[in-house]
Amino acid sequence: MDVLVRAEVDASAEVVPVRAEAVWVRAGVPSPVGCRPRWAATMELSAEYLREKLQRDLEAEHVEVEDTTPNRCASSFRVLVVSAKFEGKPLLQRHRLVNTCLAEELLHIHAFEQKTLTPEQWAREQQK
């Protein structure tokens, strides 16, 4: 895998801020910034694939998955998972359950945001 990183440095500042921009390059052709090219991952990720896997593996009663990548190229996701498996578990343990479920997929995801609720918490949230 070839990755080209561009950095801009402002030398006039006392503390030098750096802005780096990653660009995937293959065969000399860069892909859009912020978009994981299809050849970069060994699996094809989609919101529907992640939703089905979370629902099956965590026995979730409700799962929402949103591709939050600006051009919807499946490198950033936001998920909501409602499962009885979260009962009595603190937030960190719930997130670890989700991360374990998606361990292989998370290797290919740039950004991942998750919200984990028990069925009781979900019911209360629906009443708001």
N, C-alpha and C. Protein backbone atom coordinates (compact mmCIF):
# COMPACT_ATOMS: atom_id res chain seq x y z
N MET A 1 0.85 -1.17 0.00
CA MET A 1 0.00 0.00 0.00
C MET A 1 0.90 1.23 0.00
N ASP A 2 0.65 2.13 -0.94
CA ASP A 2 1.39 3.38 -1.03
C ASP A 2 0.55 4.50 -0.45
N VAL A 3 1.15 5.28 0.43
CA VAL A 3 0.44 6.42 1.01
C VAL A 3 1.33 7.63 0.88
N LEU A 4 0.78 8.70 0.37
CA LEU A 4 1.49 9.96 0.24
C LEU A 4 0.94 10.90 1.29
N VAL A 5 1.80 11.52 2.08
CA VAL A 5 1.36 12.46 3.11
C VAL A 5 1.91 13.82 2.75
N ARG A 6 1.01 14.81 2.70
CA ARG A 6 1.41 16.19 2.45
C ARG A 6 1.32 16.96 3.75
N ALA A 7 2.29 17.81 4.02
CA ALA A 7 2.24 18.62 5.24
C ALA A 7 2.58 20.06 4.89
N GLU A 8 1.85 20.98 5.50
CA GLU A 8 2.13 22.40 5.34
C GLU A 8 2.61 22.92 6.69
N VAL A 9 3.72 23.64 6.70
CA VAL A 9 4.29 24.14 7.93
C VAL A 9 4.37 25.66 7.85
N ASP A 10 3.87 26.32 8.89
CA ASP A 10 3.93 27.76 8.99
C ASP A 10 5.15 28.10 9.84
N ALA A 11 6.25 28.48 9.23
CA ALA A 11 7.50 28.71 9.94
C ALA A 11 7.51 30.05 10.68
N SER A 12 6.56 30.93 10.43
CA SER A 12 6.58 32.24 11.08
C SER A 12 6.06 32.19 12.51
N ALA A 13 5.37 31.13 12.87
CA ALA A 13 4.81 31.03 14.22
C ALA A 13 5.86 30.50 15.19
N GLU A 14 5.72 30.89 16.46
CA GLU A 14 6.64 30.42 17.48
C GLU A 14 6.46 28.92 17.69
N VAL A 15 5.22 28.51 17.83
CA VAL A 15 4.90 27.10 17.86
C VAL A 15 4.40 26.77 16.46
N VAL A 16 5.03 25.84 15.83
CA VAL A 16 4.75 25.59 14.42
C VAL A 16 3.57 24.62 14.27
N PRO A 17 2.43 25.12 13.79
CA PRO A 17 1.31 24.20 13.54
C PRO A 17 1.55 23.44 12.25
N VAL A 18 1.14 22.21 12.24
CA VAL A 18 1.32 21.38 11.05
C VAL A 18 -0.04 20.85 10.65
N ARG A 19 -0.34 20.96 9.39
CA ARG A 19 -1.58 20.39 8.85
C ARG A 19 -1.18 19.30 7.87
N ALA A 20 -1.53 18.07 8.21
CA ALA A 20 -1.20 16.95 7.34
C ALA A 20 -2.45 16.49 6.62
N GLU A 21 -2.27 16.09 5.39
CA GLU A 21 -3.38 15.63 4.58
C GLU A 21 -2.97 14.32 3.92
N ALA A 22 -3.65 13.26 4.25
CA ALA A 22 -3.30 11.97 3.68
C ALA A 22 -4.03 11.78 2.36
N VAL A 23 -3.31 11.27 1.40
CA VAL A 23 -3.88 10.99 0.09
C VAL A 23 -3.45 9.58 -0.29
N TRP A 24 -4.40 8.72 -0.59
CA TRP A 24 -4.07 7.37 -1.04
C TRP A 24 -3.61 7.47 -2.49
N VAL A 25 -2.54 6.76 -2.81
CA VAL A 25 -2.03 6.77 -4.18
C VAL A 25 -1.79 5.34 -4.62
N ARG A 26 -2.33 5.02 -5.79
CA ARG A 26 -2.07 3.71 -6.37
C ARG A 26 -1.93 3.91 -7.87
N ALA A 27 -0.88 3.38 -8.41
CA ALA A 27 -0.60 3.53 -9.84
C ALA A 27 -0.54 5.01 -10.21
N GLY A 28 -0.04 5.82 -9.28
CA GLY A 28 0.12 7.24 -9.55
C GLY A 28 -1.16 8.05 -9.55
N VAL A 29 -2.30 7.44 -9.19
CA VAL A 29 -3.58 8.15 -9.20
C VAL A 29 -4.08 8.32 -7.78
N PRO A 30 -4.15 9.55 -7.27
CA PRO A 30 -4.66 9.75 -5.91
C PRO A 30 -6.17 9.60 -5.86
N SER A 31 -6.65 9.07 -4.72
CA SER A 31 -8.09 8.99 -4.52
C SER A 31 -8.53 10.24 -3.77
N PRO A 32 -9.83 10.51 -3.70
CA PRO A 32 -10.30 11.69 -2.98
C PRO A 32 -9.84 11.67 -1.52
N VAL A 33 -9.49 12.83 -1.01
CA VAL A 33 -9.04 12.95 0.37
C VAL A 33 -10.15 12.51 1.30
N GLY A 34 -9.81 11.73 2.33
CA GLY A 34 -10.79 11.29 3.30
C GLY A 34 -11.58 10.08 2.85
N CYS A 35 -11.24 9.54 1.70
CA CYS A 35 -11.97 8.38 1.19
C CYS A 35 -11.01 7.21 1.06
N ARG A 36 -11.35 6.14 1.74
CA ARG A 36 -10.55 4.93 1.64
C ARG A 36 -10.88 4.27 0.32
N PRO A 37 -9.89 4.11 -0.56
CA PRO A 37 -10.19 3.48 -1.84
C PRO A 37 -10.58 2.02 -1.65
N ARG A 38 -11.34 1.49 -2.57
CA ARG A 38 -11.82 0.12 -2.46
C ARG A 38 -10.68 -0.89 -2.39
N TRP A 39 -9.56 -0.62 -3.03
CA TRP A 39 -8.45 -1.57 -3.02
C TRP A 39 -7.67 -1.54 -1.71
N ALA A 40 -7.91 -0.57 -0.84
CA ALA A 40 -7.14 -0.44 0.40
C ALA A 40 -7.58 -1.44 1.46
N ALA A 41 -8.75 -1.99 1.33
CA ALA A 41 -9.25 -2.93 2.33
C ALA A 41 -9.51 -4.28 1.68
N THR A 42 -9.35 -5.33 2.45
CA THR A 42 -9.59 -6.66 1.92
C THR A 42 -11.07 -7.00 1.97
N MET A 43 -11.86 -6.18 2.63
CA MET A 43 -13.30 -6.43 2.71
C MET A 43 -14.06 -5.21 2.22
N GLU A 44 -15.26 -5.44 1.80
CA GLU A 44 -16.11 -4.35 1.34
C GLU A 44 -17.02 -3.93 2.49
N LEU A 45 -16.79 -2.77 3.04
CA LEU A 45 -17.59 -2.28 4.17
C LEU A 45 -18.78 -1.49 3.66
N SER A 46 -19.88 -1.62 4.37
CA SER A 46 -21.05 -0.80 4.09
C SER A 46 -21.82 -0.66 5.39
N ALA A 47 -22.67 0.35 5.44
CA ALA A 47 -23.51 0.55 6.62
C ALA A 47 -24.39 -0.67 6.85
N GLU A 48 -24.94 -1.22 5.78
CA GLU A 48 -25.82 -2.39 5.90
C GLU A 48 -25.06 -3.61 6.42
N TYR A 49 -23.84 -3.82 5.94
CA TYR A 49 -23.02 -4.94 6.41
C TYR A 49 -22.76 -4.82 7.92
N LEU A 50 -22.36 -3.62 8.37
CA LEU A 50 -22.08 -3.41 9.79
C LEU A 50 -23.35 -3.58 10.62
N ARG A 51 -24.48 -3.07 10.12
CA ARG A 51 -25.75 -3.20 10.84
C ARG A 51 -26.11 -4.67 11.04
N GLU A 52 -26.01 -5.44 10.00
CA GLU A 52 -26.36 -6.86 10.10
C GLU A 52 -25.43 -7.61 11.06
N LYS A 53 -24.15 -7.29 11.00
CA LYS A 53 -23.19 -7.98 11.88
C LYS A 53 -23.43 -7.62 13.34
N LEU A 54 -23.65 -6.35 13.63
CA LEU A 54 -23.92 -5.93 15.01
C LEU A 54 -25.22 -6.55 15.52
N GLN A 55 -26.23 -6.54 14.68
CA GLN A 55 -27.53 -7.09 15.09
C GLN A 55 -27.41 -8.59 15.39
N ARG A 56 -26.70 -9.30 14.56
CA ARG A 56 -26.55 -10.75 14.73
C ARG A 56 -25.66 -11.08 15.94
N ASP A 57 -24.46 -10.51 15.98
CA ASP A 57 -23.49 -10.89 17.00
C ASP A 57 -23.83 -10.39 18.40
N LEU A 58 -24.47 -9.22 18.49
CA LEU A 58 -24.82 -8.67 19.80
C LEU A 58 -26.28 -8.91 20.15
N GLU A 59 -26.97 -9.68 19.30
CA GLU A 59 -28.38 -9.98 19.52
C GLU A 59 -29.15 -8.68 19.80
N ALA A 60 -28.85 -7.68 19.00
CA ALA A 60 -29.42 -6.35 19.20
C ALA A 60 -30.86 -6.28 18.73
N GLU A 61 -31.67 -5.56 19.48
CA GLU A 61 -33.06 -5.38 19.06
C GLU A 61 -33.21 -4.18 18.14
N HIS A 62 -32.21 -3.29 18.14
CA HIS A 62 -32.25 -2.13 17.25
C HIS A 62 -30.82 -1.70 16.94
N VAL A 63 -30.53 -1.49 15.67
CA VAL A 63 -29.21 -1.01 15.25
C VAL A 63 -29.40 0.02 14.15
N GLU A 64 -28.72 1.15 14.30
CA GLU A 64 -28.68 2.17 13.25
C GLU A 64 -27.21 2.38 12.90
N VAL A 65 -26.90 2.40 11.62
CA VAL A 65 -25.54 2.66 11.17
C VAL A 65 -25.60 3.73 10.10
N GLU A 66 -24.79 4.76 10.27
CA GLU A 66 -24.75 5.85 9.29
C GLU A 66 -23.32 6.01 8.79
N ASP A 67 -23.16 6.04 7.49
CA ASP A 67 -21.85 6.33 6.88
C ASP A 67 -21.68 7.84 6.95
N THR A 68 -20.74 8.30 7.78
CA THR A 68 -20.55 9.74 7.99
C THR A 68 -19.41 10.31 7.15
N THR A 69 -18.86 9.52 6.25
CA THR A 69 -17.82 10.01 5.36
C THR A 69 -18.46 11.04 4.42
N PRO A 70 -17.82 12.18 4.20
CA PRO A 70 -18.44 13.22 3.37
C PRO A 70 -18.94 12.71 2.01
N ASN A 71 -18.22 11.83 1.36
CA ASN A 71 -18.65 11.33 0.05
C ASN A 71 -19.17 9.90 0.12
N ARG A 72 -19.53 9.46 1.33
CA ARG A 72 -20.14 8.14 1.57
C ARG A 72 -19.31 6.99 1.01
N CYS A 73 -18.00 7.03 1.30
CA CYS A 73 -17.12 5.99 0.76
C CYS A 73 -16.76 4.95 1.82
N ALA A 74 -17.50 4.89 2.90
CA ALA A 74 -17.38 3.83 3.91
C ALA A 74 -16.05 3.81 4.64
N SER A 75 -15.61 4.98 5.13
CA SER A 75 -14.43 4.99 5.98
C SER A 75 -14.72 5.60 7.35
N SER A 76 -15.91 6.16 7.54
CA SER A 76 -16.33 6.71 8.83
C SER A 76 -17.78 6.33 9.08
N PHE A 77 -18.06 5.90 10.32
CA PHE A 77 -19.41 5.45 10.65
C PHE A 77 -19.83 5.94 12.02
N ARG A 78 -21.16 6.12 12.18
CA ARG A 78 -21.78 6.40 13.47
C ARG A 78 -22.80 5.29 13.68
N VAL A 79 -22.75 4.64 14.87
CA VAL A 79 -23.69 3.55 15.12
C VAL A 79 -24.43 3.77 16.43
N LEU A 80 -25.66 3.24 16.46
CA LEU A 80 -26.48 3.17 17.66
C LEU A 80 -26.85 1.70 17.79
N VAL A 81 -26.52 1.10 18.94
CA VAL A 81 -26.81 -0.31 19.17
C VAL A 81 -27.62 -0.44 20.45
N VAL A 82 -28.76 -1.12 20.36
CA VAL A 82 -29.61 -1.39 21.52
C VAL A 82 -29.61 -2.90 21.73
N SER A 83 -29.06 -3.33 22.88
CA SER A 83 -28.95 -4.76 23.14
C SER A 83 -29.09 -5.06 24.62
N ALA A 84 -29.75 -6.18 24.91
CA ALA A 84 -29.86 -6.64 26.30
C ALA A 84 -28.50 -7.07 26.83
N LYS A 85 -27.55 -7.35 25.95
CA LYS A 85 -26.20 -7.74 26.38
C LYS A 85 -25.49 -6.59 27.11
N PHE A 86 -26.02 -5.37 26.99
CA PHE A 86 -25.42 -4.21 27.67
C PHE A 86 -25.93 -4.04 29.10
N GLU A 87 -26.94 -4.80 29.49
CA GLU A 87 -27.52 -4.69 30.83
C GLU A 87 -26.44 -4.86 31.90
N GLY A 88 -26.39 -3.92 32.85
CA GLY A 88 -25.46 -4.00 33.97
C GLY A 88 -24.01 -3.72 33.63
N LYS A 89 -23.73 -3.33 32.39
CA LYS A 89 -22.34 -3.06 31.98
C LYS A 89 -22.11 -1.56 31.86
N PRO A 90 -20.96 -1.09 32.34
CA PRO A 90 -20.64 0.33 32.16
C PRO A 90 -20.33 0.63 30.69
N LEU A 91 -20.31 1.89 30.35
CA LEU A 91 -20.12 2.33 28.97
C LEU A 91 -18.87 1.71 28.33
N LEU A 92 -17.76 1.69 29.04
CA LEU A 92 -16.51 1.16 28.48
C LEU A 92 -16.67 -0.31 28.08
N GLN A 93 -17.33 -1.11 28.91
CA GLN A 93 -17.52 -2.52 28.58
C GLN A 93 -18.47 -2.68 27.38
N ARG A 94 -19.46 -1.83 27.29
CA ARG A 94 -20.38 -1.88 26.15
C ARG A 94 -19.62 -1.59 24.86
N HIS A 95 -18.80 -0.54 24.90
CA HIS A 95 -18.03 -0.17 23.72
C HIS A 95 -17.03 -1.27 23.36
N ARG A 96 -16.48 -1.93 24.36
CA ARG A 96 -15.57 -3.04 24.07
C ARG A 96 -16.30 -4.19 23.39
N LEU A 97 -17.54 -4.44 23.77
CA LEU A 97 -18.33 -5.48 23.11
C LEU A 97 -18.51 -5.15 21.62
N VAL A 98 -18.84 -3.90 21.34
CA VAL A 98 -19.01 -3.47 19.95
C VAL A 98 -17.68 -3.57 19.22
N ASN A 99 -16.61 -3.08 19.84
CA ASN A 99 -15.29 -3.11 19.20
C ASN A 99 -14.83 -4.54 18.93
N THR A 100 -15.12 -5.45 19.84
CA THR A 100 -14.76 -6.86 19.65
C THR A 100 -15.55 -7.44 18.49
N CYS A 101 -16.82 -7.12 18.43
CA CYS A 101 -17.68 -7.60 17.35
C CYS A 101 -17.15 -7.15 15.99
N LEU A 102 -16.67 -5.91 15.92
CA LEU A 102 -16.21 -5.33 14.65
C LEU A 102 -14.68 -5.23 14.57
N ALA A 103 -13.97 -6.07 15.30
CA ALA A 103 -12.51 -5.96 15.37
C ALA A 103 -11.85 -5.96 13.99
N GLU A 104 -12.24 -6.86 13.13
CA GLU A 104 -11.63 -6.94 11.79
C GLU A 104 -12.00 -5.71 10.95
N GLU A 105 -13.24 -5.29 11.03
CA GLU A 105 -13.71 -4.14 10.25
C GLU A 105 -13.08 -2.83 10.71
N LEU A 106 -12.87 -2.68 12.02
CA LEU A 106 -12.30 -1.43 12.55
C LEU A 106 -10.88 -1.18 12.05
N LEU A 107 -10.20 -2.22 11.62
CA LEU A 107 -8.86 -2.05 11.04
C LEU A 107 -8.92 -1.23 9.76
N HIS A 108 -10.09 -1.18 9.12
CA HIS A 108 -10.25 -0.51 7.83
C HIS A 108 -11.13 0.73 7.92
N ILE A 109 -11.53 1.10 9.13
CA ILE A 109 -12.39 2.27 9.33
C ILE A 109 -11.57 3.41 9.91
N HIS A 110 -11.74 4.59 9.34
CA HIS A 110 -10.98 5.76 9.77
C HIS A 110 -11.54 6.37 11.05
N ALA A 111 -12.86 6.52 11.13
CA ALA A 111 -13.49 7.12 12.30
C ALA A 111 -14.74 6.32 12.65
N PHE A 112 -14.94 6.13 13.96
CA PHE A 112 -16.06 5.30 14.41
C PHE A 112 -16.63 5.90 15.68
N GLU A 113 -17.91 6.24 15.64
CA GLU A 113 -18.61 6.82 16.79
C GLU A 113 -19.73 5.85 17.16
N GLN A 114 -19.85 5.56 18.46
CA GLN A 114 -20.88 4.61 18.86
C GLN A 114 -21.67 5.08 20.07
N LYS A 115 -22.94 4.69 20.06
CA LYS A 115 -23.83 4.93 21.19
C LYS A 115 -24.44 3.58 21.51
N THR A 116 -24.34 3.16 22.77
CA THR A 116 -24.81 1.84 23.18
C THR A 116 -25.84 2.00 24.28
N LEU A 117 -27.02 1.40 24.08
CA LEU A 117 -28.11 1.52 25.04
C LEU A 117 -28.71 0.15 25.35
N THR A 118 -29.24 0.03 26.56
CA THR A 118 -30.02 -1.15 26.91
C THR A 118 -31.43 -0.93 26.34
N PRO A 119 -32.23 -1.99 26.23
CA PRO A 119 -33.61 -1.80 25.75
C PRO A 119 -34.40 -0.81 26.62
N GLU A 120 -34.18 -0.83 27.92
CA GLU A 120 -34.88 0.09 28.82
C GLU A 120 -34.47 1.54 28.54
N GLN A 121 -33.18 1.78 28.36
CA GLN A 121 -32.70 3.13 28.05
C GLN A 121 -33.25 3.60 26.70
N TRP A 122 -33.31 2.70 25.73
CA TRP A 122 -33.84 3.02 24.41
C TRP A 122 -35.32 3.40 24.50
N ALA A 123 -36.08 2.65 25.28
CA ALA A 123 -37.51 2.94 25.45
C ALA A 123 -37.70 4.33 26.05
N ARG A 124 -36.89 4.66 27.08
CA ARG A 124 -36.98 5.99 27.71
C ARG A 124 -36.62 7.08 26.70
N GLU A 125 -35.60 6.83 25.90
CA GLU A 125 -35.16 7.82 24.92
C GLU A 125 -36.22 8.05 23.84
N GLN A 126 -36.96 7.00 23.50
CA GLN A 126 -38.01 7.12 22.50
C GLN A 126 -39.19 7.96 23.00
N GLN A 127 -39.37 8.01 24.32
CA GLN A 127 -40.47 8.78 24.90
C GLN A 127 -40.18 10.27 24.95
N LYS A 128 -38.94 10.65 24.80
CA LYS A 128 -38.55 12.08 24.89
C LYS A 128 -39.11 12.85 23.75
